[in-house]
Protein backbone atom coordinates (compact mmCIF):
# COMPACT_ATOMS: atom_id res chain seq x y z
CA MET A 1 -103.17 -91.13 -46.19
CA ALA A 2 -103.35 -91.43 -49.94
CA LEU A 3 -104.29 -94.63 -52.03
CA VAL A 4 -103.07 -94.66 -55.68
CA ALA A 5 -104.54 -97.12 -58.31
CA SER A 6 -104.61 -97.07 -62.18
CA ARG A 7 -107.89 -98.76 -62.40
CA ILE A 8 -111.11 -98.43 -60.53
CA VAL A 9 -111.19 -102.12 -59.58
CA ASP A 10 -107.94 -101.81 -58.10
CA MET A 11 -108.83 -98.71 -56.04
CA GLN A 12 -112.00 -100.50 -54.81
CA ALA A 13 -109.90 -103.38 -53.52
CA LYS A 14 -107.42 -101.17 -51.81
CA VAL A 15 -110.15 -99.15 -50.00
CA GLY A 16 -111.64 -102.67 -48.96
CA ASN A 17 -108.16 -104.10 -47.64
CA PHE A 18 -107.35 -100.74 -45.88
CA ASN A 19 -110.75 -100.81 -44.24
CA ILE A 20 -110.23 -104.36 -42.93
CA ASN A 21 -106.83 -103.85 -41.84
CA GLY A 22 -107.75 -100.59 -39.98
CA LYS A 23 -110.48 -102.20 -37.90
CA LYS A 24 -107.81 -104.58 -36.87
CA THR A 25 -106.07 -101.94 -35.06
CA GLY A 26 -109.42 -100.08 -33.97
CA LEU A 27 -109.39 -97.83 -36.85
CA LYS A 28 -112.41 -96.86 -39.07
CA ILE A 29 -112.66 -94.86 -42.45
CA ASN A 30 -114.44 -91.61 -41.93
CA LEU A 31 -116.57 -90.96 -44.87
CA ARG A 32 -117.12 -87.54 -44.06
CA LYS A 33 -113.21 -86.98 -44.44
CA THR A 34 -112.48 -89.23 -47.41
CA VAL A 35 -112.76 -88.16 -51.04
CA VAL A 36 -111.97 -89.79 -54.44
CA MET A 37 -110.25 -88.08 -57.46
CA LYS A 38 -110.28 -89.80 -60.81
CA GLY A 39 -108.70 -88.89 -64.09
CA ASN A 40 -109.48 -90.40 -67.43
CA VAL A 41 -111.70 -93.01 -66.34
CA ASN A 42 -115.57 -93.65 -66.40
CA PRO A 43 -117.18 -91.24 -63.81
CA GLY A 44 -120.25 -93.16 -63.47
CA ILE A 45 -118.56 -96.03 -61.60
CA LYS A 46 -118.62 -95.07 -57.74
CA ILE A 47 -115.93 -96.30 -55.19
CA GLN A 48 -117.70 -97.50 -52.20
CA GLN A 49 -116.91 -98.14 -48.46
CA GLU A 50 -119.27 -100.74 -46.83
CA GLY A 51 -122.12 -100.04 -49.22
CA SER A 52 -121.62 -96.06 -49.42
CA ASP A 53 -120.53 -93.96 -52.16
CA ILE A 54 -117.23 -92.12 -51.39
CA GLU A 55 -117.65 -88.35 -52.29
CA GLU A 56 -115.70 -87.61 -55.61
CA VAL A 57 -113.94 -84.25 -56.11
CA GLU A 58 -111.88 -82.37 -58.63
CA LYS A 59 -109.29 -81.17 -56.08
CA PHE A 60 -108.20 -81.99 -52.50
CA VAL A 61 -105.39 -80.92 -50.06
CA TYR A 62 -102.98 -83.63 -49.30
CA LEU A 63 -100.11 -82.79 -46.88
CA GLY A 64 -100.61 -79.01 -47.30
CA ALA A 65 -100.48 -79.08 -51.14
CA THR A 66 -103.48 -78.77 -53.42
CA VAL A 67 -104.05 -81.77 -55.97
CA THR A 68 -106.16 -81.41 -59.05
CA THR A 69 -107.58 -83.64 -61.87
CA THR A 70 -105.61 -81.49 -64.26
CA GLY A 71 -102.16 -82.57 -62.58
CA GLY A 72 -100.83 -79.08 -62.79
CA ALA A 73 -99.53 -76.93 -60.10
CA GLY A 74 -101.57 -73.83 -61.11
CA GLU A 75 -104.35 -74.06 -58.20
CA ASP A 76 -101.56 -74.95 -55.36
CA ILE A 77 -99.52 -71.94 -56.71
CA ARG A 78 -102.45 -69.93 -56.42
CA VAL A 79 -103.37 -71.05 -52.91
CA ARG A 80 -99.78 -70.59 -51.90
CA LEU A 81 -99.48 -66.88 -52.86
CA GLY A 82 -102.57 -66.39 -51.16
CA LYS A 83 -101.25 -67.78 -47.85
CA ALA A 84 -98.06 -65.91 -48.23
CA GLN A 85 -99.77 -62.75 -48.80
CA ALA A 86 -101.71 -63.04 -45.67
CA VAL A 87 -98.86 -63.95 -43.43
CA PHE A 88 -96.98 -60.96 -44.85
CA CYS A 89 -100.12 -58.71 -44.10
CA ASN A 90 -100.40 -60.34 -40.45
CA LEU A 91 -96.79 -59.14 -39.96
CA LYS A 92 -97.19 -55.55 -40.93
CA ASN A 93 -96.18 -54.43 -37.36
CA ILE A 94 -92.97 -56.10 -37.93
CA TRP A 95 -92.13 -54.44 -41.05
CA ARG A 96 -93.41 -50.72 -39.83
CA ASN A 97 -91.17 -51.53 -36.65
CA SER A 98 -88.25 -48.89 -36.59
CA GLN A 99 -86.40 -50.85 -33.70
CA LEU A 100 -85.84 -54.06 -35.50
CA SER A 101 -82.91 -54.30 -37.90
CA MET A 102 -83.25 -55.03 -41.67
CA ASN A 103 -81.23 -58.28 -41.15
CA THR A 104 -84.00 -59.36 -38.43
CA LYS A 105 -86.89 -58.35 -40.62
CA LEU A 106 -85.32 -60.24 -43.62
CA ARG A 107 -84.92 -63.47 -41.42
CA ILE A 108 -88.46 -63.19 -40.40
CA PHE A 109 -89.47 -62.84 -44.07
CA ARG A 110 -87.72 -65.87 -45.06
CA SER A 111 -88.84 -68.08 -42.20
CA SER A 112 -92.50 -67.19 -42.25
CA VAL A 113 -93.38 -65.59 -45.56
CA LEU A 114 -90.98 -67.33 -47.99
CA ALA A 115 -91.67 -70.71 -46.18
CA VAL A 116 -95.35 -70.58 -46.73
CA LEU A 117 -95.03 -69.64 -50.24
CA LEU A 118 -92.38 -72.30 -51.42
CA TYR A 119 -94.08 -75.23 -49.43
CA GLY A 120 -93.93 -78.01 -51.82
CA CYS A 121 -92.32 -75.87 -54.68
CA GLU A 122 -90.01 -78.79 -55.55
CA THR A 123 -92.79 -80.71 -57.46
CA TRP A 124 -94.43 -77.38 -59.23
CA ARG A 125 -94.84 -77.35 -63.00
CA MET A 126 -94.88 -73.64 -63.66
CA ILE A 127 -95.35 -71.52 -66.57
CA LYS A 128 -93.98 -68.26 -67.38
CA SER A 129 -96.86 -66.23 -65.92
CA ASP A 130 -96.46 -68.14 -62.57
CA GLU A 131 -92.78 -67.27 -62.33
CA ILE A 132 -93.61 -63.48 -62.94
CA LYS A 133 -96.31 -63.57 -60.42
CA HIS A 134 -93.93 -64.99 -57.75
CA ASN A 135 -91.21 -62.43 -58.54
CA VAL A 136 -93.57 -59.66 -58.59
CA PHE A 137 -94.68 -60.69 -55.13
CA LEU A 138 -91.25 -60.74 -53.67
CA SER A 139 -90.50 -57.25 -55.14
CA LYS A 140 -93.59 -55.85 -53.56
CA CYS A 141 -92.91 -57.22 -50.15
CA LEU A 142 -89.14 -56.30 -50.29
CA ARG A 143 -90.29 -52.75 -51.35
CA ARG A 144 -92.56 -52.68 -48.36
CA ILE A 145 -89.98 -53.92 -45.91
CA LEU A 146 -87.41 -51.33 -47.37
CA LYS A 147 -89.94 -48.52 -47.14
CA ILE A 148 -89.44 -47.77 -50.93
CA TYR A 149 -92.58 -46.33 -52.31
CA TRP A 150 -93.71 -44.36 -55.55
CA PRO A 151 -92.01 -42.17 -56.90
CA MET A 152 -88.83 -43.69 -55.47
CA LYS A 153 -86.93 -45.07 -58.48
CA VAL A 154 -85.37 -48.20 -57.27
CA THR A 155 -85.10 -51.08 -59.66
CA ASN A 156 -85.67 -54.76 -58.46
CA GLU A 157 -82.10 -55.68 -59.17
CA GLU A 158 -80.98 -53.03 -56.61
CA ILE A 159 -83.52 -54.20 -54.17
CA ARG A 160 -82.39 -57.91 -54.26
CA PHE A 161 -78.72 -56.79 -53.85
CA LYS A 162 -79.48 -54.78 -50.95
CA THR A 163 -81.55 -57.63 -49.38
CA ASN A 164 -79.16 -60.43 -50.70
CA MET A 165 -82.21 -62.23 -52.21
CA GLU A 166 -82.60 -64.20 -55.16
CA GLU A 167 -85.44 -64.11 -57.53
CA ILE A 168 -88.10 -66.63 -56.38
CA THR A 169 -87.75 -68.81 -59.42
CA HIS A 170 -83.98 -69.18 -58.78
CA GLN A 171 -84.64 -70.40 -55.50
CA ILE A 172 -87.30 -73.04 -56.68
CA LYS A 173 -84.81 -74.04 -58.96
CA GLY A 174 -82.20 -74.63 -56.40
CA ARG A 175 -84.77 -76.35 -54.19
CA ARG A 176 -85.53 -78.62 -57.10
CA TRP A 177 -81.77 -79.53 -57.62
CA LYS A 178 -81.49 -80.31 -54.02
CA LEU A 179 -84.56 -82.67 -54.24
CA ILE A 180 -83.16 -84.44 -57.26
CA GLY A 181 -80.08 -85.10 -55.66
CA HIS A 182 -81.70 -86.34 -52.53
CA GLU A 183 -83.74 -88.80 -54.45
CA LEU A 184 -81.05 -90.15 -56.82
CA ARG A 185 -79.13 -91.26 -53.46
CA LYS A 186 -82.04 -93.33 -52.68
CA ASN A 187 -82.13 -97.08 -53.31
CA MET A 188 -83.67 -97.84 -56.89
CA ASN A 189 -86.72 -99.59 -55.31
CA GLU A 190 -87.84 -96.60 -53.53
CA ASN A 191 -91.19 -95.34 -54.97
CA THR A 192 -89.80 -91.76 -55.15
CA ARG A 193 -86.79 -92.97 -56.91
CA ILE A 194 -88.94 -95.08 -59.30
CA ALA A 195 -91.30 -92.12 -60.08
CA LEU A 196 -88.38 -90.03 -61.72
CA THR A 197 -88.53 -92.47 -64.61
CA TRP A 198 -92.14 -93.76 -64.31
CA THR A 199 -94.55 -92.99 -67.40
CA PRO A 200 -98.18 -92.49 -66.72
CA GLU A 201 -100.52 -94.73 -68.52
CA GLY A 202 -102.85 -92.92 -71.21
CA ARG A 203 -102.85 -89.82 -72.90
CA ARG A 204 -102.87 -86.20 -71.42
CA THR A 205 -105.37 -83.82 -72.83
CA ARG A 206 -103.99 -80.76 -74.50
CA GLU A 207 -105.10 -78.48 -71.79
CA ALA A 208 -103.54 -80.65 -69.02
CA GLY A 209 -100.20 -80.92 -70.89
CA ARG A 210 -99.67 -77.04 -71.79
CA GLY A 211 -99.95 -73.81 -70.29
CA ARG A 212 -101.38 -70.66 -71.63
CA HIS A 213 -99.77 -69.52 -75.04
CA GLY A 214 -98.60 -73.17 -75.43
CA GLU A 215 -95.74 -72.91 -72.91
CA GLU A 216 -94.63 -75.66 -70.65
CA ARG A 217 -92.09 -75.06 -68.05
């Protein structure tokens, strides 16, 4: 479970209340599995649980997604690409199997590799270099599945046409529109609905607000 607050004093109060209410149901906060992440606040003030300081971190994993103090998606994208690459390599016997049809291999690729790669992509803030990394990864995987190697001259457009596969960036945009439509159909009082128009307090640093070469996607 994640607790969010705009002030340290509010966070300390939430931790205390969470601990009290948890004990009523027989639950206790595990300090070894609990962390605090701060942004634009005094790092000297600690959040405590029953007199013990809670560990402060610059990043943590929540519901499978990597959250960092910078607020960007760069770290989560890097982790997702690594996990997707590992899944693809683990399934190398599937891609080499000549008894499986191409349609079967592509279905496995979509349900395993792409599912891992695009988990949580609806909320990513991507810069141009991130888009290139995703599209390059897709092209390399499809070439391996289709057994297209150098010096065979086949363009990426031809490969996507043969596999009926969109660029990763197009798939991400499609997922974003679906999520936005889903949220807009919710009640105006829902937290996720409020978040669409919510403005964070304070000011972002230049590094947090912009990508390399001044690009923000």
